[in-house]
Amino acid sequence: MKELEQTLSDLTTYIVAYDDTSHNDGENLNFLLKKIITTLAYLETHRAHYKLEFEKVVYELTTDKGMPVNRAINFAENRVPELYMLRRIMDSGYKLADVIRTNISFIKHERNHAN
């Protein structure tokens, strides 16, 4: 869990750095994009782990206890809250990466038209 917390802290650091970066600083934007995408790729391993835990809980509750799937999903969300947290954080991280890519493309477009 410490490893996950550190990785999420790193992602937060990159997001704060993006907020402090000029939208014309293509070099720094490119660096931050690389760091964010690399961190998100690493977080995918954690998300996969928690997804398996979530699926195990749903399976056990539906198979062993005969619980309806919808109810089992609700229980699983409570037992494995990390999955929801990672989904939300990672979705936001991917959206930010898209924004940075768009910004970098705009900078390239402007530089090409300036010449």
C-alpha atoms as a PDB file:
ATOM      1  CA  MET A   1       0.000   0.000   0.000  1.00  0.00           C
ATOM      2  CA  LYS A   2       2.941   2.350   0.667  1.00  0.00           C
ATOM      3  CA  GLU A   3       4.046   1.873  -2.909  1.00  0.00           C
ATOM      4  CA  LEU A   4       0.588   2.834  -4.202  1.00  0.00           C
ATOM      5  CA  GLU A   5       0.458   5.868  -1.940  1.00  0.00           C
ATOM      6  CA  GLN A   6       3.880   7.016  -3.186  1.00  0.00           C
ATOM      7  CA  THR A   7       2.847   6.570  -6.806  1.00  0.00           C
ATOM      8  CA  LEU A   8      -0.341   8.576  -6.235  1.00  0.00           C
ATOM      9  CA  SER A   9       1.729  11.238  -4.504  1.00  0.00           C
ATOM     10  CA  ASP A  10       4.045  11.367  -7.528  1.00  0.00           C
ATOM     11  CA  LEU A  11       1.061  11.790  -9.836  1.00  0.00           C
ATOM     12  CA  THR A  12      -0.188  14.642  -7.665  1.00  0.00           C
ATOM     13  CA  THR A  13       3.236  16.279  -7.886  1.00  0.00           C
ATOM     14  CA  TYR A  14       3.120  16.132 -11.698  1.00  0.00           C
ATOM     15  CA  ILE A  15      -0.384  17.588 -11.742  1.00  0.00           C
ATOM     16  CA  VAL A  16       0.687  20.479  -9.524  1.00  0.00           C
ATOM     17  CA  ALA A  17       3.738  21.016 -11.736  1.00  0.00           C
ATOM     18  CA  TYR A  18       1.459  21.136 -14.781  1.00  0.00           C
ATOM     19  CA  ASP A  19      -0.646  23.796 -13.082  1.00  0.00           C
ATOM     20  CA  ASP A  20       2.524  25.857 -12.516  1.00  0.00           C
ATOM     21  CA  THR A  21       3.814  25.385 -16.086  1.00  0.00           C
ATOM     22  CA  SER A  22       3.385  27.946 -18.833  1.00  0.00           C
ATOM     23  CA  HIS A  23       1.176  26.688 -21.634  1.00  0.00           C
ATOM     24  CA  ASN A  24       3.905  27.778 -24.053  1.00  0.00           C
ATOM     25  CA  ASP A  25       6.623  25.671 -22.417  1.00  0.00           C
ATOM     26  CA  GLY A  26       6.516  22.702 -24.775  1.00  0.00           C
ATOM     27  CA  GLU A  27       9.638  21.090 -23.369  1.00  0.00           C
ATOM     28  CA  ASN A  28       8.329  20.993 -19.802  1.00  0.00           C
ATOM     29  CA  LEU A  29       4.848  19.953 -20.982  1.00  0.00           C
ATOM     30  CA  ASN A  30       6.424  17.068 -22.887  1.00  0.00           C
ATOM     31  CA  PHE A  31       8.385  16.046 -19.778  1.00  0.00           C
ATOM     32  CA  LEU A  32       5.236  16.146 -17.609  1.00  0.00           C
ATOM     33  CA  LEU A  33       3.263  14.180 -20.191  1.00  0.00           C
ATOM     34  CA  LYS A  34       5.923  11.464 -20.148  1.00  0.00           C
ATOM     35  CA  LYS A  35       5.896  11.323 -16.344  1.00  0.00           C
ATOM     36  CA  ILE A  36       2.095  11.267 -16.103  1.00  0.00           C
ATOM     37  CA  ILE A  37       1.684   8.546 -18.739  1.00  0.00           C
ATOM     38  CA  THR A  38       4.429   6.433 -17.150  1.00  0.00           C
ATOM     39  CA  THR A  39       2.828   6.784 -13.720  1.00  0.00           C
ATOM     40  CA  LEU A  40      -0.607   5.892 -15.100  1.00  0.00           C
ATOM     41  CA  ALA A  41       0.833   2.817 -16.810  1.00  0.00           C
ATOM     42  CA  TYR A  42       2.307   1.737 -13.490  1.00  0.00           C
ATOM     43  CA  LEU A  43      -1.005   2.376 -11.709  1.00  0.00           C
ATOM     44  CA  GLU A  44      -2.684   0.035 -14.207  1.00  0.00           C
ATOM     45  CA  THR A  45      -0.949  -2.871 -12.456  1.00  0.00           C
ATOM     46  CA  HIS A  46      -2.505  -1.808  -9.153  1.00  0.00           C
ATOM     47  CA  ARG A  47      -5.890  -1.347 -10.773  1.00  0.00           C
ATOM     48  CA  ALA A  48      -5.685  -4.836 -12.274  1.00  0.00           C
ATOM     49  CA  HIS A  49      -4.832  -6.267  -8.844  1.00  0.00           C
ATOM     50  CA  TYR A  50      -7.797  -4.572  -7.162  1.00  0.00           C
ATOM     51  CA  LYS A  51     -10.088  -5.527 -10.042  1.00  0.00           C
ATOM     52  CA  LEU A  52      -9.229  -9.189  -9.415  1.00  0.00           C
ATOM     53  CA  GLU A  53      -9.948  -8.767  -5.707  1.00  0.00           C
ATOM     54  CA  PHE A  54     -13.252  -7.108  -6.561  1.00  0.00           C
ATOM     55  CA  GLU A  55     -14.219  -9.921  -8.934  1.00  0.00           C
ATOM     56  CA  LYS A  56     -13.335 -12.548  -6.315  1.00  0.00           C
ATOM     57  CA  VAL A  57     -15.638 -10.888  -3.784  1.00  0.00           C
ATOM     58  CA  VAL A  58     -18.490 -10.722  -6.302  1.00  0.00           C
ATOM     59  CA  TYR A  59     -17.929 -14.362  -7.279  1.00  0.00           C
ATOM     60  CA  GLU A  60     -17.852 -15.576  -3.681  1.00  0.00           C
ATOM     61  CA  LEU A  61     -20.967 -13.666  -2.715  1.00  0.00           C
ATOM     62  CA  THR A  62     -22.972 -14.788  -5.744  1.00  0.00           C
ATOM     63  CA  THR A  63     -21.753 -18.388  -5.839  1.00  0.00           C
ATOM     64  CA  ASP A  64     -21.256 -19.301  -2.195  1.00  0.00           C
ATOM     65  CA  LYS A  65     -23.883 -17.083  -0.588  1.00  0.00           C
ATOM     66  CA  GLY A  66     -26.417 -16.948  -3.438  1.00  0.00           C
ATOM     67  CA  MET A  67     -26.525 -13.163  -3.314  1.00  0.00           C
ATOM     68  CA  PRO A  68     -27.914 -11.292  -6.351  1.00  0.00           C
ATOM     69  CA  VAL A  69     -25.188  -9.797  -8.560  1.00  0.00           C
ATOM     70  CA  ASN A  70     -26.234  -6.168  -7.996  1.00  0.00           C
ATOM     71  CA  ARG A  71     -26.084  -6.596  -4.246  1.00  0.00           C
ATOM     72  CA  ALA A  72     -22.767  -8.462  -4.460  1.00  0.00           C
ATOM     73  CA  ILE A  73     -21.314  -5.595  -6.492  1.00  0.00           C
ATOM     74  CA  ASN A  74     -22.368  -3.131  -3.799  1.00  0.00           C
ATOM     75  CA  PHE A  75     -20.675  -5.263  -1.142  1.00  0.00           C
ATOM     76  CA  ALA A  76     -17.548  -5.635  -3.279  1.00  0.00           C
ATOM     77  CA  GLU A  77     -17.312  -1.870  -3.748  1.00  0.00           C
ATOM     78  CA  ASN A  78     -17.245  -1.512   0.031  1.00  0.00           C
ATOM     79  CA  ARG A  79     -14.669  -4.266   0.507  1.00  0.00           C
ATOM     80  CA  VAL A  80     -12.358  -3.053  -2.273  1.00  0.00           C
ATOM     81  CA  PRO A  81     -12.659   0.773  -2.243  1.00  0.00           C
ATOM     82  CA  GLU A  82      -9.225   1.126  -3.854  1.00  0.00           C
ATOM     83  CA  LEU A  83     -10.670   0.086  -7.209  1.00  0.00           C
ATOM     84  CA  TYR A  84     -13.117   2.995  -7.299  1.00  0.00           C
ATOM     85  CA  MET A  85     -10.447   5.417  -6.093  1.00  0.00           C
ATOM     86  CA  LEU A  86      -7.995   4.293  -8.780  1.00  0.00           C
ATOM     87  CA  ARG A  87     -10.644   4.486 -11.496  1.00  0.00           C
ATOM     88  CA  ARG A  88     -11.489   8.071 -10.631  1.00  0.00           C
ATOM     89  CA  ILE A  89      -7.895   9.246 -10.204  1.00  0.00           C
ATOM     90  CA  MET A  90      -6.664   7.472 -13.321  1.00  0.00           C
ATOM     91  CA  ASP A  91      -9.541   8.721 -15.460  1.00  0.00           C
ATOM     92  CA  SER A  92      -8.637  12.261 -14.411  1.00  0.00           C
ATOM     93  CA  GLY A  93      -4.964  11.578 -15.127  1.00  0.00           C
ATOM     94  CA  TYR A  94      -5.741  10.321 -18.629  1.00  0.00           C
ATOM     95  CA  LYS A  95      -7.896  13.393 -19.284  1.00  0.00           C
ATOM     96  CA  LEU A  96      -5.040  15.631 -18.166  1.00  0.00           C
ATOM     97  CA  ALA A  97      -2.656  13.757 -20.463  1.00  0.00           C
ATOM     98  CA  ASP A  98      -5.068  14.445 -23.338  1.00  0.00           C
ATOM     99  CA  VAL A  99      -5.119  18.145 -22.442  1.00  0.00           C
ATOM    100  CA  ILE A 100      -1.325  18.270 -22.406  1.00  0.00           C
ATOM    101  CA  ARG A 101      -1.141  16.480 -25.779  1.00  0.00           C
ATOM    102  CA  THR A 102      -3.568  18.987 -27.236  1.00  0.00           C
ATOM    103  CA  ASN A 103      -1.520  21.847 -25.832  1.00  0.00           C
ATOM    104  CA  ILE A 104       1.702  20.416 -27.285  1.00  0.00           C
ATOM    105  CA  SER A 105      -0.005  19.991 -30.674  1.00  0.00           C
ATOM    106  CA  PHE A 106      -1.165  23.596 -30.542  1.00  0.00           C
ATOM    107  CA  ILE A 107       2.380  24.778 -29.782  1.00  0.00           C
ATOM    108  CA  LYS A 108       3.725  22.756 -32.743  1.00  0.00           C
ATOM    109  CA  HIS A 109       1.009  24.125 -35.000  1.00  0.00           C
ATOM    110  CA  GLU A 110       1.768  27.701 -33.952  1.00  0.00           C
ATOM    111  CA  ARG A 111       5.509  27.231 -34.488  1.00  0.00           C
ATOM    112  CA  ASN A 112       4.936  25.756 -37.953  1.00  0.00           C
ATOM    113  CA  HIS A 113       2.736  28.692 -38.951  1.00  0.00           C
ATOM    114  CA  ALA A 114       5.175  31.225 -37.528  1.00  0.00           C
ATOM    115  CA  ASN A 115       7.888  30.082 -39.938  1.00  0.00           C
END
